Amino acid sequence: MHLTVYTGYTLRVMMYLALKHPLGDVATIDEIAGACGISRNHLEKIIHERSQAGSIETSCDRTGGARPARAPEEISGSSDIACYGLVIAAACLRVIGPLLASGRRINGAGVCWCAAFALHARQYWPYLTRPRADCEAG
């Protein structure tokens, strides 16, 4: 997998903010630029785009800065793991079902596929239905 430089910068910023968040601190653009080795212009663009997407909160007062919109503890992959587990179970039931000549296993595979899709849709629906960060159509 090949990431663009911009994506790499964005990941650096998000990781830096996640490390700063447990202390309750906000990070300024100059602070992040120095710590991550990113130019101020790139960083302003990244912070603006991420704040529009809802993954970073920003404040513009005298103590202004950026911080993650959610605490790192709140970001959990447990529902993703459950989705992948259901897909794996469905695939196994789909393969094993015909070998055992049982229609129930194939029906079980369908139930697992549907449950995985429903869980995935429930988790990502807010991201899929909100307007794009760059305000373009599509």
C-alpha atoms as a PDB file:
ATOM      1  CA  MET A   1       0.000   0.000   0.000  1.00  0.00           C
ATOM      2  CA  HIS A   2       1.343   3.410  -0.953  1.00  0.00           C
ATOM      3  CA  LEU A   3       0.286   6.521   0.964  1.00  0.00           C
ATOM      4  CA  THR A   4       0.599  10.024  -0.392  1.00  0.00           C
ATOM      5  CA  VAL A   5       2.754  12.549   1.451  1.00  0.00           C
ATOM      6  CA  TYR A   6      -0.379  14.460   2.416  1.00  0.00           C
ATOM      7  CA  THR A   7      -1.966  11.334   3.924  1.00  0.00           C
ATOM      8  CA  GLY A   8       1.236  10.655   5.846  1.00  0.00           C
ATOM      9  CA  TYR A   9       1.198  14.195   7.223  1.00  0.00           C
ATOM     10  CA  THR A  10      -2.439  13.795   8.229  1.00  0.00           C
ATOM     11  CA  LEU A  11      -1.663  10.561  10.081  1.00  0.00           C
ATOM     12  CA  ARG A  12       1.244  12.251  11.888  1.00  0.00           C
ATOM     13  CA  VAL A  13      -0.998  15.103  12.996  1.00  0.00           C
ATOM     14  CA  MET A  14      -3.730  12.762  14.241  1.00  0.00           C
ATOM     15  CA  MET A  15      -1.231  10.627  16.175  1.00  0.00           C
ATOM     16  CA  TYR A  16       0.391  13.707  17.711  1.00  0.00           C
ATOM     17  CA  LEU A  17      -2.983  15.067  18.815  1.00  0.00           C
ATOM     18  CA  ALA A  18      -3.984  11.673  20.239  1.00  0.00           C
ATOM     19  CA  LEU A  19      -0.814  11.644  22.339  1.00  0.00           C
ATOM     20  CA  LYS A  20      -1.462  15.191  23.571  1.00  0.00           C
ATOM     21  CA  HIS A  21      -5.139  14.601  24.388  1.00  0.00           C
ATOM     22  CA  PRO A  22      -4.783  12.538  27.613  1.00  0.00           C
ATOM     23  CA  LEU A  23      -3.036  15.534  29.152  1.00  0.00           C
ATOM     24  CA  GLY A  24      -6.006  17.744  28.261  1.00  0.00           C
ATOM     25  CA  ASP A  25      -3.819  20.011  26.151  1.00  0.00           C
ATOM     26  CA  VAL A  26      -4.594  21.635  22.853  1.00  0.00           C
ATOM     27  CA  ALA A  27      -1.796  21.861  20.333  1.00  0.00           C
ATOM     28  CA  THR A  28      -1.027  24.971  18.313  1.00  0.00           C
ATOM     29  CA  ILE A  29      -0.142  24.852  14.641  1.00  0.00           C
ATOM     30  CA  ASP A  30       3.419  25.983  15.345  1.00  0.00           C
ATOM     31  CA  GLU A  31       3.839  23.274  17.985  1.00  0.00           C
ATOM     32  CA  ILE A  32       2.579  20.524  15.674  1.00  0.00           C
ATOM     33  CA  ALA A  33       4.671  21.836  12.778  1.00  0.00           C
ATOM     34  CA  GLY A  34       7.823  21.679  14.881  1.00  0.00           C
ATOM     35  CA  ALA A  35       7.092  18.260  16.349  1.00  0.00           C
ATOM     36  CA  CYS A  36       5.993  16.599  13.103  1.00  0.00           C
ATOM     37  CA  GLY A  37       8.291  18.336  10.645  1.00  0.00           C
ATOM     38  CA  ILE A  38       5.443  19.680   8.507  1.00  0.00           C
ATOM     39  CA  SER A  39       5.300  23.122   6.905  1.00  0.00           C
ATOM     40  CA  ARG A  40       2.796  25.550   8.401  1.00  0.00           C
ATOM     41  CA  ASN A  41       0.902  25.872   5.090  1.00  0.00           C
ATOM     42  CA  HIS A  42       0.372  22.100   4.785  1.00  0.00           C
ATOM     43  CA  LEU A  43      -0.597  21.927   8.435  1.00  0.00           C
ATOM     44  CA  GLU A  44      -3.215  24.677   8.161  1.00  0.00           C
ATOM     45  CA  LYS A  45      -4.793  22.815   5.252  1.00  0.00           C
ATOM     46  CA  ILE A  46      -4.776  19.502   7.157  1.00  0.00           C
ATOM     47  CA  ILE A  47      -6.237  21.026  10.345  1.00  0.00           C
ATOM     48  CA  HIS A  48      -8.968  22.809   8.378  1.00  0.00           C
ATOM     49  CA  GLU A  49      -9.904  19.686   6.402  1.00  0.00           C
ATOM     50  CA  ARG A  50      -9.957  17.444   9.481  1.00  0.00           C
ATOM     51  CA  SER A  51     -12.032  19.970  11.445  1.00  0.00           C
ATOM     52  CA  GLN A  52     -14.540  20.098   8.572  1.00  0.00           C
ATOM     53  CA  ALA A  53     -14.672  16.298   8.592  1.00  0.00           C
ATOM     54  CA  GLY A  54     -15.311  16.302  12.347  1.00  0.00           C
ATOM     55  CA  SER A  55     -12.221  14.415  13.516  1.00  0.00           C
ATOM     56  CA  ILE A  56     -10.526  17.484  15.055  1.00  0.00           C
ATOM     57  CA  GLU A  57     -11.958  20.281  17.195  1.00  0.00           C
ATOM     58  CA  THR A  58     -10.384  23.705  16.827  1.00  0.00           C
ATOM     59  CA  SER A  59     -10.646  26.911  18.799  1.00  0.00           C
ATOM     60  CA  CYS A  60      -9.658  30.373  17.650  1.00  0.00           C
ATOM     61  CA  ASP A  61      -9.397  32.255  20.941  1.00  0.00           C
ATOM     62  CA  ARG A  62      -6.184  33.335  22.707  1.00  0.00           C
ATOM     63  CA  THR A  63      -5.572  29.768  23.906  1.00  0.00           C
ATOM     64  CA  GLY A  64      -6.529  28.376  20.513  1.00  0.00           C
ATOM     65  CA  GLY A  65      -5.364  25.160  19.020  1.00  0.00           C
ATOM     66  CA  ALA A  66      -6.515  21.744  17.918  1.00  0.00           C
ATOM     67  CA  ARG A  67      -7.427  18.521  19.687  1.00  0.00           C
ATOM     68  CA  PRO A  68      -9.121  15.277  18.679  1.00  0.00           C
ATOM     69  CA  ALA A  69     -12.917  15.431  18.540  1.00  0.00           C
ATOM     70  CA  ARG A  70     -13.107  12.190  20.553  1.00  0.00           C
ATOM     71  CA  ALA A  71     -10.857  10.722  23.198  1.00  0.00           C
ATOM     72  CA  PRO A  72      -8.642   7.868  21.959  1.00  0.00           C
ATOM     73  CA  GLU A  73     -10.432   5.524  24.397  1.00  0.00           C
ATOM     74  CA  GLU A  74     -13.745   6.245  22.650  1.00  0.00           C
ATOM     75  CA  ILE A  75     -12.388   5.171  19.269  1.00  0.00           C
ATOM     76  CA  SER A  76     -12.838   1.442  19.290  1.00  0.00           C
ATOM     77  CA  GLY A  77     -12.474  -1.159  16.619  1.00  0.00           C
ATOM     78  CA  SER A  78     -14.671  -3.691  18.401  1.00  0.00           C
ATOM     79  CA  SER A  79     -17.575  -3.360  15.970  1.00  0.00           C
ATOM     80  CA  ASP A  80     -15.147  -3.627  13.034  1.00  0.00           C
ATOM     81  CA  ILE A  81     -13.756  -6.815  14.557  1.00  0.00           C
ATOM     82  CA  ALA A  82     -17.307  -8.134  14.996  1.00  0.00           C
ATOM     83  CA  CYS A  83     -18.083  -7.343  11.323  1.00  0.00           C
ATOM     84  CA  TYR A  84     -15.004  -9.187  10.103  1.00  0.00           C
ATOM     85  CA  GLY A  85     -15.761 -12.098  12.427  1.00  0.00           C
ATOM     86  CA  LEU A  86     -19.274 -12.377  11.019  1.00  0.00           C
ATOM     87  CA  VAL A  87     -17.963 -12.285   7.433  1.00  0.00           C
ATOM     88  CA  ILE A  88     -15.442 -15.024   8.229  1.00  0.00           C
ATOM     89  CA  ALA A  89     -18.155 -17.111   9.904  1.00  0.00           C
ATOM     90  CA  ALA A  90     -20.418 -16.619   6.884  1.00  0.00           C
ATOM     91  CA  ALA A  91     -17.657 -17.703   4.498  1.00  0.00           C
ATOM     92  CA  CYS A  92     -16.920 -20.802   6.582  1.00  0.00           C
ATOM     93  CA  LEU A  93     -20.606 -21.734   6.761  1.00  0.00           C
ATOM     94  CA  ARG A  94     -20.940 -21.193   3.023  1.00  0.00           C
ATOM     95  CA  VAL A  95     -18.064 -23.587   2.331  1.00  0.00           C
ATOM     96  CA  ILE A  96     -18.985 -26.179   4.952  1.00  0.00           C
ATOM     97  CA  GLY A  97     -22.737 -26.115   4.230  1.00  0.00           C
ATOM     98  CA  PRO A  98     -22.669 -27.965   0.902  1.00  0.00           C
ATOM     99  CA  LEU A  99     -20.179 -30.507   2.253  1.00  0.00           C
ATOM    100  CA  LEU A 100     -22.588 -31.435   5.015  1.00  0.00           C
ATOM    101  CA  ALA A 101     -25.606 -31.216   2.696  1.00  0.00           C
ATOM    102  CA  SER A 102     -27.436 -28.986   5.108  1.00  0.00           C
ATOM    103  CA  GLY A 103     -29.445 -25.998   3.985  1.00  0.00           C
ATOM    104  CA  ARG A 104     -29.349 -24.566   7.493  1.00  0.00           C
ATOM    105  CA  ARG A 105     -25.648 -23.772   7.252  1.00  0.00           C
ATOM    106  CA  ILE A 106     -26.178 -21.853   4.034  1.00  0.00           C
ATOM    107  CA  ASN A 107     -29.070 -19.988   5.661  1.00  0.00           C
ATOM    108  CA  GLY A 108     -26.768 -19.317   8.619  1.00  0.00           C
ATOM    109  CA  ALA A 109     -24.209 -17.880   6.193  1.00  0.00           C
ATOM    110  CA  GLY A 110     -26.843 -15.502   4.842  1.00  0.00           C
ATOM    111  CA  VAL A 111     -27.779 -14.410   8.351  1.00  0.00           C
ATOM    112  CA  CYS A 112     -24.106 -13.745   9.158  1.00  0.00           C
ATOM    113  CA  TRP A 113     -23.660 -11.704   5.959  1.00  0.00           C
ATOM    114  CA  CYS A 114     -26.759  -9.630   6.728  1.00  0.00           C
ATOM    115  CA  ALA A 115     -25.719  -9.069  10.343  1.00  0.00           C
ATOM    116  CA  ALA A 116     -22.224  -7.986   9.284  1.00  0.00           C
ATOM    117  CA  PHE A 117     -23.648  -5.545   6.716  1.00  0.00           C
ATOM    118  CA  ALA A 118     -26.163  -4.125   9.216  1.00  0.00           C
ATOM    119  CA  LEU A 119     -23.480  -3.647  11.871  1.00  0.00           C
ATOM    120  CA  HIS A 120     -21.159  -1.988   9.377  1.00  0.00           C
ATOM    121  CA  ALA A 121     -23.908   0.291   8.047  1.00  0.00           C
ATOM    122  CA  ARG A 122     -24.945   1.269  11.584  1.00  0.00           C
ATOM    123  CA  GLN A 123     -21.405   2.256  12.506  1.00  0.00           C
ATOM    124  CA  TYR A 124     -20.536   4.165   9.340  1.00  0.00           C
ATOM    125  CA  TRP A 125     -23.924   5.694   8.445  1.00  0.00           C
ATOM    126  CA  PRO A 126     -23.084   9.114   9.994  1.00  0.00           C
ATOM    127  CA  TYR A 127     -19.880   9.289   7.940  1.00  0.00           C
ATOM    128  CA  LEU A 128     -21.592   8.187   4.738  1.00  0.00           C
ATOM    129  CA  THR A 129     -24.490  10.638   4.955  1.00  0.00           C
ATOM    130  CA  ARG A 130     -22.821  13.885   5.991  1.00  0.00           C
ATOM    131  CA  PRO A 131     -21.613  16.384   3.386  1.00  0.00           C
ATOM    132  CA  ARG A 132     -18.105  15.992   2.006  1.00  0.00           C
ATOM    133  CA  ALA A 133     -15.339  17.964   3.710  1.00  0.00           C
ATOM    134  CA  ASP A 134     -14.324  19.601   0.426  1.00  0.00           C
ATOM    135  CA  CYS A 135     -17.934  20.717  -0.279  1.00  0.00           C
ATOM    136  CA  GLU A 136     -17.996  19.094  -3.717  1.00  0.00           C
ATOM    137  CA  ALA A 137     -20.785  16.936  -5.061  1.00  0.00           C
ATOM    138  CA  GLY A 138     -20.538  13.172  -4.982  1.00  0.00           C
END
